[in-house]
């Protein structure tokens, strides 16, 4: 009977031990969880921006001179990202990358042949949840896709 009473007293005195353990572990858990969530958000936005650039370039293959349509397709190519902006360029250049001509206003003089291309650059702003030492709290995520449309 004495042993049972002693066991009950020792059990009652350790009831607050789990609260102390939680109080010690919770800050460490949050120090790991919050940066992991920020990295996940950054990677997700990077994928969304790449999808926007790809959608604009895919539209640009079919309509290479419709630059406003390419920008619109780029913005529509994201599912949840806000603030995505896009720039589009259509042009010609020699197959070796020289003699570029914006909008193919003049046909480049090339040794071999020239190619027409659509270039889409999508950008979105990213802001971290908290400020981390040594890392910027806001940045722009940019992805560029350049596809060949045709040529000589």
Protein backbone atom coordinates (compact mmCIF):
# COMPACT_ATOMS: atom_id res chain seq x y z
CA UNK A 1 0.00 0.00 0.00
CA UNK A 2 2.86 2.37 0.82
CA UNK A 3 4.51 1.58 -2.47
CA UNK A 4 1.33 2.36 -4.36
CA UNK A 5 0.97 5.68 -2.53
CA UNK A 6 4.62 6.53 -3.23
CA UNK A 7 4.15 5.66 -6.94
CA UNK A 8 1.05 7.84 -7.11
CA UNK A 9 2.88 10.80 -5.54
CA UNK A 10 5.82 10.49 -7.92
CA UNK A 11 3.43 10.24 -10.89
CA UNK A 12 1.53 13.32 -9.78
CA UNK A 13 4.70 15.35 -9.38
CA UNK A 14 5.78 14.62 -12.99
CA UNK A 15 2.53 15.63 -14.70
CA UNK A 16 3.98 18.98 -15.77
CA UNK A 17 7.00 17.32 -17.40
CA UNK A 18 5.31 17.05 -20.80
CA UNK A 19 4.58 20.78 -20.79
CA UNK A 20 8.24 21.51 -20.09
CA UNK A 21 9.27 19.20 -22.94
CA UNK A 22 6.87 20.94 -25.33
CA UNK A 23 8.13 24.35 -24.19
CA UNK A 24 11.71 23.26 -24.96
CA UNK A 25 11.03 21.52 -28.30
CA UNK A 26 8.48 23.93 -29.82
CA UNK A 27 10.95 26.79 -30.54
CA UNK A 28 13.39 24.38 -32.18
CA UNK A 29 10.57 22.89 -34.24
CA UNK A 30 9.46 26.35 -35.39
CA UNK A 31 13.06 27.31 -36.25
CA UNK A 32 13.11 24.37 -38.65
CA UNK A 33 9.52 24.55 -39.92
CA UNK A 34 9.24 28.23 -40.90
CA UNK A 35 12.33 28.30 -43.17
CA UNK A 36 11.21 25.00 -44.73
CA UNK A 37 7.85 26.57 -45.55
CA UNK A 38 9.57 29.62 -47.06
CA UNK A 39 11.76 27.40 -49.24
CA UNK A 40 8.67 25.48 -50.34
CA UNK A 41 6.87 28.71 -51.26
CA UNK A 42 9.93 29.87 -53.19
CA UNK A 43 10.15 26.63 -55.16
CA UNK A 44 6.41 26.67 -55.88
CA UNK A 45 6.60 30.23 -57.20
CA UNK A 46 9.62 29.31 -59.32
CA UNK A 47 7.61 26.49 -60.93
CA UNK A 48 4.64 28.82 -61.50
CA UNK A 49 6.84 31.45 -63.17
CA UNK A 50 8.44 28.79 -65.40
CA UNK A 51 4.94 27.60 -66.36
CA UNK A 52 3.96 31.16 -67.23
CA UNK A 53 6.96 31.56 -69.51
CA UNK A 54 6.27 28.19 -71.14
CA UNK A 55 2.60 29.05 -71.74
CA UNK A 56 3.56 32.35 -73.37
CA UNK A 57 6.17 30.67 -75.58
CA UNK A 58 3.69 27.95 -76.60
CA UNK A 59 1.22 30.64 -77.66
CA UNK A 60 4.05 32.48 -79.41
CA UNK A 61 4.87 29.48 -81.61
CA UNK A 62 1.42 29.69 -83.16
CA UNK A 63 1.18 33.52 -83.17
CA UNK A 64 4.76 34.84 -83.20
CA UNK A 65 3.92 38.48 -83.97
CA UNK A 66 1.11 38.81 -81.37
CA UNK A 67 3.28 40.07 -78.52
CA UNK A 68 0.35 41.25 -76.37
CA UNK A 69 -1.29 37.85 -76.78
CA UNK A 70 1.95 36.16 -75.72
CA UNK A 71 2.08 38.32 -72.58
CA UNK A 72 -1.57 37.54 -71.85
CA UNK A 73 -1.02 33.80 -72.30
CA UNK A 74 1.94 34.04 -69.96
CA UNK A 75 -0.09 35.70 -67.22
CA UNK A 76 -2.89 33.18 -67.74
CA UNK A 77 -0.40 30.31 -67.52
CA UNK A 78 -0.15 30.53 -63.74
CA UNK A 79 -2.72 28.93 -61.48
CA UNK A 80 -2.23 30.67 -58.11
CA UNK A 81 0.69 33.07 -58.43
CA UNK A 82 -0.16 36.75 -58.30
CA UNK A 83 1.87 39.62 -59.66
CA UNK A 84 3.36 37.69 -62.58
CA UNK A 85 4.48 39.95 -65.40
CA UNK A 86 5.85 38.94 -68.77
CA UNK A 87 7.76 40.46 -71.64
CA UNK A 88 7.80 38.98 -75.13
CA UNK A 89 10.14 39.45 -78.04
CA UNK A 90 9.94 38.19 -81.60
CA UNK A 91 12.99 38.36 -83.82
CA UNK A 92 15.43 36.80 -86.27
CA UNK A 93 19.09 35.96 -86.01
CA UNK A 94 21.70 33.88 -87.74
CA UNK A 95 21.84 30.25 -86.66
CA UNK A 96 25.20 30.93 -85.01
CA UNK A 97 23.62 33.69 -82.84
CA UNK A 98 24.95 36.74 -84.71
CA UNK A 99 23.15 39.54 -86.58
CA UNK A 100 20.01 39.65 -84.46
CA UNK A 101 17.07 41.63 -85.81
CA UNK A 102 14.17 42.56 -83.52
CA UNK A 103 10.72 41.91 -85.04
CA UNK A 104 12.51 40.67 -88.17
CA UNK A 105 12.42 44.22 -89.56
CA UNK A 106 15.39 43.33 -91.75
CA UNK A 107 16.46 39.87 -92.75
CA UNK A 108 19.86 39.14 -91.25
CA UNK A 109 22.72 38.45 -93.62
CA UNK A 110 24.06 35.07 -92.61
CA UNK A 111 26.68 32.66 -93.86
CA UNK A 112 24.35 29.68 -93.53
CA UNK A 113 20.75 30.38 -92.51
CA UNK A 114 18.69 32.40 -90.09
CA UNK A 115 16.07 31.45 -87.50
CA UNK A 116 12.98 33.19 -86.17
CA UNK A 117 12.42 33.00 -82.44
CA UNK A 118 10.03 33.95 -79.67
CA UNK A 119 11.57 34.94 -76.35
CA UNK A 120 9.38 35.15 -73.23
CA UNK A 121 10.60 36.39 -69.84
CA UNK A 122 8.21 35.92 -66.89
CA UNK A 123 8.86 37.59 -63.53
CA UNK A 124 7.10 37.49 -60.15
CA UNK A 125 7.97 39.14 -56.82
CA UNK A 126 8.68 36.94 -53.78
CA UNK A 127 8.76 38.06 -50.15
CA UNK A 128 9.86 35.81 -47.30
CA UNK A 129 7.66 35.25 -44.25
CA UNK A 130 10.40 36.41 -41.87
CA UNK A 131 13.72 38.15 -42.40
CA UNK A 132 16.68 35.79 -42.33
CA UNK A 133 20.20 37.07 -41.68
CA UNK A 134 22.28 37.04 -44.84
CA UNK A 135 19.32 36.62 -47.21
CA UNK A 136 17.23 39.31 -48.90
CA UNK A 137 13.66 39.57 -47.64
CA UNK A 138 12.28 40.18 -51.13
CA UNK A 139 13.44 39.22 -54.61
CA UNK A 140 12.18 38.69 -58.14
CA UNK A 141 11.88 35.20 -59.59
CA UNK A 142 12.59 35.29 -63.33
CA UNK A 143 12.41 32.56 -65.95
CA UNK A 144 13.13 32.90 -69.67
CA UNK A 145 12.12 30.59 -72.49
CA UNK A 146 13.26 31.06 -76.06
CA UNK A 147 11.75 28.90 -78.76
CA UNK A 148 12.50 28.66 -82.46
CA UNK A 149 9.50 29.57 -84.59
CA UNK A 150 10.83 29.09 -88.08
CA UNK A 151 13.51 30.37 -90.35
CA UNK A 152 15.33 30.03 -93.63
